[in-house]
PDB file of N, CA and C in Angstrom:
ATOM      1  N   MET A   1     -71.867 132.531 142.758  1.00  0.00           N
ATOM      2  CA  MET A   1     -72.855 131.489 143.008  1.00  0.00           C
ATOM      3  C   MET A   1     -73.292 130.902 141.662  1.00  0.00           C
ATOM      4  N   VAL A   2     -73.399 129.598 141.622  1.00  0.00           N
ATOM      5  CA  VAL A   2     -73.864 128.925 140.421  1.00  0.00           C
ATOM      6  C   VAL A   2     -75.324 129.304 140.185  1.00  0.00           C
ATOM      7  N   GLU A   3     -75.652 129.606 138.934  1.00  0.00           N
ATOM      8  CA  GLU A   3     -76.992 130.076 138.576  1.00  0.00           C
ATOM      9  C   GLU A   3     -78.104 129.109 138.988  1.00  0.00           C
ATOM     10  N   ILE A   4     -77.826 127.804 138.919  1.00  0.00           N
ATOM     11  CA  ILE A   4     -78.876 126.828 139.241  1.00  0.00           C
ATOM     12  C   ILE A   4     -79.340 126.910 140.692  1.00  0.00           C
ATOM     13  N   PHE A   5     -78.541 127.525 141.549  1.00  0.00           N
ATOM     14  CA  PHE A   5     -78.912 127.619 142.963  1.00  0.00           C
ATOM     15  C   PHE A   5     -79.585 128.940 143.310  1.00  0.00           C
ATOM     16  N   SER A   6     -79.745 129.837 142.348  1.00  0.00           N
ATOM     17  CA  SER A   6     -80.313 131.153 142.655  1.00  0.00           C
ATOM     18  C   SER A   6     -81.774 131.054 143.106  1.00  0.00           C
ATOM     19  N   LYS A   7     -82.547 130.162 142.486  1.00  0.00           N
ATOM     20  CA  LYS A   7     -83.957 130.001 142.891  1.00  0.00           C
ATOM     21  C   LYS A   7     -84.045 129.413 144.306  1.00  0.00           C
ATOM     22  N   LEU A   8     -83.189 128.439 144.589  1.00  0.00           N
ATOM     23  CA  LEU A   8     -83.149 127.860 145.937  1.00  0.00           C
ATOM     24  C   LEU A   8     -82.809 128.940 146.954  1.00  0.00           C
ATOM     25  N   LYS A   9     -81.835 129.771 146.624  1.00  0.00           N
ATOM     26  CA  LYS A   9     -81.428 130.835 147.545  1.00  0.00           C
ATOM     27  C   LYS A   9     -82.596 131.774 147.827  1.00  0.00           C
ATOM     28  N   GLU A  10     -83.352 132.134 146.788  1.00  0.00           N
ATOM     29  CA  GLU A  10     -84.516 133.007 146.976  1.00  0.00           C
ATOM     30  C   GLU A  10     -85.508 132.389 147.951  1.00  0.00           C
ATOM     31  N   GLN A  11     -85.769 131.094 147.802  1.00  0.00           N
ATOM     32  CA  GLN A  11     -86.715 130.406 148.687  1.00  0.00           C
ATOM     33  C   GLN A  11     -86.190 130.344 150.112  1.00  0.00           C
ATOM     34  N   LEU A  12     -84.896 130.066 150.253  1.00  0.00           N
ATOM     35  CA  LEU A  12     -84.316 129.942 151.592  1.00  0.00           C
ATOM     36  C   LEU A  12     -84.273 131.277 152.331  1.00  0.00           C
ATOM     37  N   LEU A  13     -84.132 132.362 151.592  1.00  0.00           N
ATOM     38  CA  LEU A  13     -84.083 133.683 152.220  1.00  0.00           C
ATOM     39  C   LEU A  13     -85.400 134.054 152.897  1.00  0.00           C
ATOM     40  N   LEU A  14     -86.478 133.338 152.575  1.00  0.00           N
ATOM     41  CA  LEU A  14     -87.772 133.595 153.201  1.00  0.00           C
ATOM     42  C   LEU A  14     -87.852 133.020 154.608  1.00  0.00           C
ATOM     43  N   GLN A  15     -86.910 132.153 154.957  1.00  0.00           N
ATOM     44  CA  GLN A  15     -86.899 131.534 156.283  1.00  0.00           C
ATOM     45  C   GLN A  15     -85.966 132.299 157.217  1.00  0.00           C
ATOM     46  N   GLU A  16     -86.115 132.048 158.506  1.00  0.00           N
ATOM     47  CA  GLU A  16     -85.228 132.652 159.495  1.00  0.00           C
ATOM     48  C   GLU A  16     -84.030 131.746 159.713  1.00  0.00           C
ATOM     49  N   TRP A  17     -82.864 132.356 159.900  1.00  0.00           N
ATOM     50  CA  TRP A  17     -81.622 131.595 160.110  1.00  0.00           C
ATOM     51  C   TRP A  17     -80.935 132.095 161.349  1.00  0.00           C
ATOM     52  N   PRO A  18     -80.252 131.228 162.106  1.00  0.00           N
ATOM     53  CA  PRO A  18     -79.987 129.802 161.871  1.00  0.00           C
ATOM     54  C   PRO A  18     -81.249 128.951 161.977  1.00  0.00           C
ATOM     55  N   ASN A  19     -81.179 127.813 161.280  1.00  0.00           N
ATOM     56  CA  ASN A  19     -82.324 126.911 161.231  1.00  0.00           C
ATOM     57  C   ASN A  19     -81.831 125.509 160.873  1.00  0.00           C
ATOM     58  N   VAL A  20     -82.673 124.523 161.135  1.00  0.00           N
ATOM     59  CA  VAL A  20     -82.338 123.151 160.760  1.00  0.00           C
ATOM     60  C   VAL A  20     -82.606 122.995 159.271  1.00  0.00           C
ATOM     61  N   TYR A  21     -81.661 122.384 158.566  1.00  0.00           N
ATOM     62  CA  TYR A  21     -81.820 122.170 157.126  1.00  0.00           C
ATOM     63  C   TYR A  21     -81.575 120.699 156.828  1.00  0.00           C
ATOM     64  N   TYR A  22     -82.327 120.177 155.872  1.00  0.00           N
ATOM     65  CA  TYR A  22     -82.263 118.761 155.508  1.00  0.00           C
ATOM     66  C   TYR A  22     -81.672 118.635 154.104  1.00  0.00           C
ATOM     67  N   PHE A  23     -80.492 118.073 154.010  1.00  0.00           N
ATOM     68  CA  PHE A  23     -79.821 117.846 152.729  1.00  0.00           C
ATOM     69  C   PHE A  23     -80.060 116.410 152.284  1.00  0.00           C
ATOM     70  N   LYS A  24     -80.110 116.202 150.964  1.00  0.00           N
ATOM     71  CA  LYS A  24     -80.180 114.848 150.438  1.00  0.00           C
ATOM     72  C   LYS A  24     -79.372 114.786 149.146  1.00  0.00           C
ATOM     73  N   PHE A  25     -78.519 113.780 149.070  1.00  0.00           N
ATOM     74  CA  PHE A  25     -77.665 113.571 147.911  1.00  0.00           C
ATOM     75  C   PHE A  25     -77.749 112.124 147.457  1.00  0.00           C
ATOM     76  N   ILE A  26     -77.619 111.911 146.152  1.00  0.00           N
ATOM     77  CA  ILE A  26     -77.471 110.579 145.592  1.00  0.00           C
ATOM     78  C   ILE A  26     -76.012 110.511 145.116  1.00  0.00           C
ATOM     79  N   VAL A  27     -75.283 109.535 145.634  1.00  0.00           N
ATOM     80  CA  VAL A  27     -73.841 109.446 145.390  1.00  0.00           C
ATOM     81  C   VAL A  27     -73.513 108.062 144.834  1.00  0.00           C
ATOM     82  N   PRO A  28     -72.655 107.995 143.804  1.00  0.00           N
ATOM     83  CA  PRO A  28     -72.207 106.674 143.371  1.00  0.00           C
ATOM     84  C   PRO A  28     -71.607 105.935 144.561  1.00  0.00           C
ATOM     85  N   ASN A  29     -71.844 104.639 144.638  1.00  0.00           N
ATOM     86  CA  ASN A  29     -71.371 103.860 145.791  1.00  0.00           C
ATOM     87  C   ASN A  29     -69.857 103.649 145.678  1.00  0.00           C
ATOM     88  N   ASP A  30     -69.143 104.733 145.907  1.00  0.00           N
ATOM     89  CA  ASP A  30     -67.694 104.791 145.826  1.00  0.00           C
ATOM     90  C   ASP A  30     -67.213 105.387 147.147  1.00  0.00           C
ATOM     91  N   SER A  31     -66.359 104.669 147.855  1.00  0.00           N
ATOM     92  CA  SER A  31     -65.981 105.097 149.205  1.00  0.00           C
ATOM     93  C   SER A  31     -65.377 106.494 149.235  1.00  0.00           C
ATOM     94  N   GLU A  32     -64.622 106.867 148.227  1.00  0.00           N
ATOM     95  CA  GLU A  32     -64.015 108.201 148.206  1.00  0.00           C
ATOM     96  C   GLU A  32     -65.083 109.292 148.079  1.00  0.00           C
ATOM     97  N   LYS A  33     -66.041 109.094 147.179  1.00  0.00           N
ATOM     98  CA  LYS A  33     -67.096 110.091 146.984  1.00  0.00           C
ATOM     99  C   LYS A  33     -68.023 110.149 148.195  1.00  0.00           C
ATOM    100  N   LEU A  34     -68.304 108.997 148.778  1.00  0.00           N
ATOM    101  CA  LEU A  34     -69.132 108.981 149.990  1.00  0.00           C
ATOM    102  C   LEU A  34     -68.446 109.738 151.119  1.00  0.00           C
ATOM    103  N   ALA A  35     -67.146 109.519 151.261  1.00  0.00           N
ATOM    104  CA  ALA A  35     -66.382 110.200 152.308  1.00  0.00           C
ATOM    105  C   ALA A  35     -66.355 111.713 152.075  1.00  0.00           C
ATOM    106  N   LEU A  36     -66.203 112.122 150.822  1.00  0.00           N
ATOM    107  CA  LEU A  36     -66.192 113.553 150.510  1.00  0.00           C
ATOM    108  C   LEU A  36     -67.505 114.214 150.904  1.00  0.00           C
ATOM    109  N   VAL A  37     -68.610 113.595 150.522  1.00  0.00           N
ATOM    110  CA  VAL A  37     -69.921 114.199 150.820  1.00  0.00           C
ATOM    111  C   VAL A  37     -70.197 114.195 152.323  1.00  0.00           C
ATOM    112  N   THR A  38     -69.929 113.110 152.998  1.00  0.00           N
ATOM    113  CA  THR A  38     -70.200 113.080 154.444  1.00  0.00           C
ATOM    114  C   THR A  38     -69.268 114.017 155.215  1.00  0.00           C
ATOM    115  N   SER A  39     -68.112 114.339 154.639  1.00  0.00           N
ATOM    116  CA  SER A  39     -67.189 115.256 155.322  1.00  0.00           C
ATOM    117  C   SER A  39     -67.702 116.694 155.328  1.00  0.00           C
ATOM    118  N   PHE A  40     -68.739 116.985 154.568  1.00  0.00           N
ATOM    119  CA  PHE A  40     -69.336 118.326 154.570  1.00  0.00           C
ATOM    120  C   PHE A  40     -69.968 118.655 155.917  1.00  0.00           C
ATOM    121  N   PHE A  41     -70.280 117.624 156.694  1.00  0.00           N
ATOM    122  CA  PHE A  41     -71.074 117.797 157.905  1.00  0.00           C
ATOM    123  C   PHE A  41     -70.249 117.506 159.152  1.00  0.00           C
ATOM    124  N   ASP A  42     -70.553 118.247 160.229  1.00  0.00           N
ATOM    125  CA  ASP A  42     -69.839 118.026 161.486  1.00  0.00           C
ATOM    126  C   ASP A  42     -70.493 116.907 162.297  1.00  0.00           C
ATOM    127  N   ASP A  43     -69.973 116.674 163.474  1.00  0.00           N
ATOM    128  CA  ASP A  43     -70.446 115.576 164.319  1.00  0.00           C
ATOM    129  C   ASP A  43     -71.874 115.776 164.824  1.00  0.00           C
ATOM    130  N   ASN A  44     -72.378 116.997 164.752  1.00  0.00           N
ATOM    131  CA  ASN A  44     -73.733 117.268 165.235  1.00  0.00           C
ATOM    132  C   ASN A  44     -74.811 116.933 164.214  1.00  0.00           C
ATOM    133  N   ALA A  45     -74.429 116.678 162.985  1.00  0.00           N
ATOM    134  CA  ALA A  45     -75.400 116.372 161.929  1.00  0.00           C
ATOM    135  C   ALA A  45     -75.919 114.944 162.089  1.00  0.00           C
ATOM    136  N   GLU A  46     -77.199 114.774 161.790  1.00  0.00           N
ATOM    137  CA  GLU A  46     -77.796 113.436 161.752  1.00  0.00           C
ATOM    138  C   GLU A  46     -77.688 112.945 160.314  1.00  0.00           C
ATOM    139  N   ILE A  47     -76.790 111.988 160.079  1.00  0.00           N
ATOM    140  CA  ILE A  47     -76.543 111.495 158.731  1.00  0.00           C
ATOM    141  C   ILE A  47     -77.043 110.061 158.616  1.00  0.00           C
ATOM    142  N   THR A  48     -77.819 109.798 157.544  1.00  0.00           N
ATOM    143  CA  THR A  48     -78.264 108.429 157.279  1.00  0.00           C
ATOM    144  C   THR A  48     -77.877 108.063 155.849  1.00  0.00           C
ATOM    145  N   LEU A  49     -77.486 106.824 155.676  1.00  0.00           N
ATOM    146  CA  LEU A  49     -77.099 106.297 154.373  1.00  0.00           C
ATOM    147  C   LEU A  49     -78.033 105.157 154.005  1.00  0.00           C
ATOM    148  N   HIS A  50     -78.503 105.158 152.762  1.00  0.00           N
ATOM    149  CA  HIS A  50     -79.367 104.083 152.266  1.00  0.00           C
ATOM    150  C   HIS A  50     -78.884 103.665 150.884  1.00  0.00           C
ATOM    151  N   PRO A  51     -78.549 102.387 150.708  1.00  0.00           N
ATOM    152  CA  PRO A  51     -78.122 101.938 149.372  1.00  0.00           C
ATOM    153  C   PRO A  51     -79.312 101.830 148.423  1.00  0.00           C
ATOM    154  N   SER A  52     -79.052 101.999 147.128  1.00  0.00           N
ATOM    155  CA  SER A  52     -80.089 101.784 146.124  1.00  0.00           C
ATOM    156  C   SER A  52     -80.348 100.285 145.999  1.00  0.00           C
ATOM    157  N   LYS A  53     -81.411  99.916 145.311  1.00  0.00           N
ATOM    158  CA  LYS A  53     -81.740  98.492 145.151  1.00  0.00           C
ATOM    159  C   LYS A  53     -80.618  97.710 144.487  1.00  0.00           C
ATOM    160  N   THR A  54     -79.952  98.340 143.527  1.00  0.00           N
ATOM    161  CA  THR A  54     -78.879  97.649 142.802  1.00  0.00           C
ATOM    162  C   THR A  54     -77.532  97.766 143.508  1.00  0.00           C
ATOM    163  N   GLY A  55     -77.444  98.693 144.475  1.00  0.00           N
ATOM    164  CA  GLY A  55     -76.188  98.883 145.188  1.00  0.00           C
ATOM    165  C   GLY A  55     -75.218  99.808 144.474  1.00  0.00           C
ATOM    166  N   LYS A  56     -75.627 100.342 143.326  1.00  0.00           N
ATOM    167  CA  LYS A  56     -74.746 101.243 142.573  1.00  0.00           C
ATOM    168  C   LYS A  56     -74.644 102.631 143.204  1.00  0.00           C
ATOM    169  N   TYR A  57     -75.677 103.017 143.929  1.00  0.00           N
ATOM    170  CA  TYR A  57     -75.735 104.358 144.491  1.00  0.00           C
ATOM    171  C   TYR A  57     -76.059 104.296 145.978  1.00  0.00           C
ATOM    172  N   MET A  58     -75.742 105.397 146.644  1.00  0.00           N
ATOM    173  CA  MET A  58     -76.054 105.532 148.058  1.00  0.00           C
ATOM    174  C   MET A  58     -76.774 106.859 148.243  1.00  0.00           C
ATOM    175  N   SER A  59     -77.867 106.831 148.968  1.00  0.00           N
ATOM    176  CA  SER A  59     -78.580 108.046 149.318  1.00  0.00           C
ATOM    177  C   SER A  59     -78.005 108.535 150.644  1.00  0.00           C
ATOM    178  N   ILE A  60     -77.593 109.788 150.672  1.00  0.00           N
ATOM    179  CA  ILE A  60     -77.084 110.390 151.903  1.00  0.00           C
ATOM    180  C   ILE A  60     -78.050 111.488 152.308  1.00  0.00           C
ATOM    181  N   SER A  61     -78.618 111.349 153.505  1.00  0.00           N
ATOM    182  CA  SER A  61     -79.490 112.375 154.068  1.00  0.00           C
ATOM    183  C   SER A  61     -78.788 112.951 155.286  1.00  0.00           C
ATOM    184  N   ALA A  62     -78.817 114.268 155.396  1.00  0.00           N
ATOM    185  CA  ALA A  62     -78.163 114.914 156.539  1.00  0.00           C
ATOM    186  C   ALA A  62     -79.050 116.031 157.046  1.00  0.00           C
ATOM    187  N   LYS A  63     -79.323 115.989 158.333  1.00  0.00           N
ATOM    188  CA  LYS A  63     -80.128 117.018 158.991  1.00  0.00           C
ATOM    189  C   LYS A  63     -79.197 117.743 159.951  1.00  0.00           C
ATOM    190  N   THR A  64     -79.051 119.052 159.737  1.00  0.00           N
ATOM    191  CA  THR A  64     -78.104 119.800 160.554  1.00  0.00           C
ATOM    192  C   THR A  64     -78.527 121.258 160.673  1.00  0.00           C
ATOM    193  N   VAL A  65     -78.010 121.935 161.665  1.00  0.00           N
ATOM    194  CA  VAL A  65     -78.286 123.355 161.841  1.00  0.00           C
ATOM    195  C   VAL A  65     -77.343 124.133 160.925  1.00  0.00           C
ATOM    196  N   MET A  66     -77.934 124.989 160.111  1.00  0.00           N
ATOM    197  CA  MET A  66     -77.156 125.850 159.226  1.00  0.00           C
ATOM    198  C   MET A  66     -77.322 127.291 159.702  1.00  0.00           C
ATOM    199  N   MET A  67     -76.230 128.031 159.665  1.00  0.00           N
ATOM    200  CA  MET A  67     -76.246 129.388 160.208  1.00  0.00           C
ATOM    201  C   MET A  67     -76.874 130.410 159.259  1.00  0.00           C
ATOM    202  N   ASP A  68     -76.705 130.182 157.931  1.00  0.00           N
ATOM    203  CA  ASP A  68     -77.252 131.139 156.973  1.00  0.00           C
ATOM    204  C   ASP A  68     -77.426 130.473 155.609  1.00  0.00           C
ATOM    205  N   VAL A  69     -78.086 131.163 154.719  1.00  0.00           N
ATOM    206  CA  VAL A  69     -78.393 130.643 153.388  1.00  0.00           C
ATOM    207  C   VAL A  69     -77.119 130.417 152.577  1.00  0.00           C
ATOM    208  N   ASP A  70     -76.178 131.342 152.660  1.00  0.00           N
ATOM    209  CA  ASP A  70     -74.949 131.214 151.882  1.00  0.00           C
ATOM    210  C   ASP A  70     -74.183 129.940 152.225  1.00  0.00           C
ATOM    211  N   SER A  71     -74.215 129.529 153.477  1.00  0.00           N
ATOM    212  CA  SER A  71     -73.543 128.288 153.883  1.00  0.00           C
ATOM    213  C   SER A  71     -74.162 127.079 153.190  1.00  0.00           C
ATOM    214  N   ILE A  72     -75.464 127.104 153.011  1.00  0.00           N
ATOM    215  CA  ILE A  72     -76.166 126.009 152.332  1.00  0.00           C
ATOM    216  C   ILE A  72     -75.775 125.968 150.862  1.00  0.00           C
ATOM    217  N   ILE A  73     -75.766 127.128 150.227  1.00  0.00           N
ATOM    218  CA  ILE A  73     -75.419 127.205 148.807  1.00  0.00           C
ATOM    219  C   ILE A  73     -73.981 126.744 148.580  1.00  0.00           C
ATOM    220  N   VAL A  74     -73.073 127.143 149.440  1.00  0.00           N
ATOM    221  CA  VAL A  74     -71.665 126.721 149.318  1.00  0.00           C
ATOM    222  C   VAL A  74     -71.568 125.202 149.391  1.00  0.00           C
ATOM    223  N   LEU A  75     -72.309 124.597 150.282  1.00  0.00           N
ATOM    224  CA  LEU A  75     -72.276 123.146 150.411  1.00  0.00           C
ATOM    225  C   LEU A  75     -72.798 122.469 149.147  1.00  0.00           C
ATOM    226  N   TYR A  76     -73.882 122.986 148.588  1.00  0.00           N
ATOM    227  CA  TYR A  76     -74.405 122.431 147.332  1.00  0.00           C
ATOM    228  C   TYR A  76     -73.410 122.617 146.187  1.00  0.00           C
ATOM    229  N   GLU A  77     -72.716 123.737 146.152  1.00  0.00           N
ATOM    230  CA  GLU A  77     -71.710 123.968 145.111  1.00  0.00           C
ATOM    231  C   GLU A  77     -70.556 122.975 145.242  1.00  0.00           C
ATOM    232  N   ARG A  78     -70.153 122.692 146.477  1.00  0.00           N
ATOM    233  CA  ARG A  78     -69.093 121.702 146.709  1.00  0.00           C
ATOM    234  C   ARG A  78     -69.538 120.325 146.223  1.00  0.00           C
ATOM    235  N   ALA A  79     -70.784 119.963 146.506  1.00  0.00           N
ATOM    236  CA  ALA A  79     -71.312 118.671 146.082  1.00  0.00           C
ATOM    237  C   ALA A  79     -71.377 118.597 144.561  1.00  0.00           C
ATOM    238  N   ALA A  80     -71.775 119.688 143.912  1.00  0.00           N
ATOM    239  CA  ALA A  80     -71.899 119.714 142.457  1.00  0.00           C
ATOM    240  C   ALA A  80     -70.555 119.512 141.770  1.00  0.00           C
ATOM    241  N   ALA A  81     -69.473 119.814 142.468  1.00  0.00           N
ATOM    242  CA  ALA A  81     -68.124 119.672 141.894  1.00  0.00           C
ATOM    243  C   ALA A  81     -67.643 118.227 141.909  1.00  0.00           C
ATOM    244  N   ILE A  82     -68.368 117.343 142.595  1.00  0.00           N
ATOM    245  CA  ILE A  82     -67.971 115.924 142.671  1.00  0.00           C
ATOM    246  C   ILE A  82     -68.701 115.173 141.560  1.00  0.00           C
ATOM    247  N   PRO A  83     -67.956 114.563 140.629  1.00  0.00           N
ATOM    248  CA  PRO A  83     -68.595 113.862 139.502  1.00  0.00           C
ATOM    249  C   PRO A  83     -69.553 112.764 139.983  1.00  0.00           C
ATOM    250  N   GLY A  84     -70.760 112.770 139.408  1.00  0.00           N
ATOM    251  CA  GLY A  84     -71.740 111.734 139.707  1.00  0.00           C
ATOM    252  C   GLY A  84     -72.663 112.018 140.865  1.00  0.00           C
ATOM    253  N   VAL A  85     -72.386 113.066 141.646  1.00  0.00           N
ATOM    254  CA  VAL A  85     -73.220 113.378 142.806  1.00  0.00           C
ATOM    255  C   VAL A  85     -74.433 114.198 142.352  1.00  0.00           C
ATOM    256  N   ILE A  86     -75.609 113.781 142.829  1.00  0.00           N
ATOM    257  CA  ILE A  86     -76.862 114.466 142.517  1.00  0.00           C
ATOM    258  C   ILE A  86     -77.411 115.057 143.814  1.00  0.00           C
ATOM    259  N   SER A  87     -77.719 116.337 143.787  1.00  0.00           N
ATOM    260  CA  SER A  87     -78.314 117.003 144.945  1.00  0.00           C
ATOM    261  C   SER A  87     -79.822 117.034 144.756  1.00  0.00           C
ATOM    262  N   LEU A  88     -80.539 116.672 145.803  1.00  0.00           N
ATOM    263  CA  LEU A  88     -82.013 116.701 145.735  1.00  0.00           C
ATOM    264  C   LEU A  88     -82.555 117.802 146.624  1.00  0.00           C
TER     265      LEU A  88
END
């Protein structure tokens, strides 16, 4: 696990799982990167996209049921591997 996610993991372990989790990412407005991030989620996720004022970036919000904390951390690690993607 990437060290930057250890504090998040500690906080998430205080909750009961499975549970609904809300992800938010800032992604360069590039169709390939947008497709990669949205592919993290299945058809049951509520995904919304909002462009930035300049159109350079897209905010991706996803609300979905996650089974456990490790699944959330893995998803954040996958997002961190995509250049330019910011996890909030």
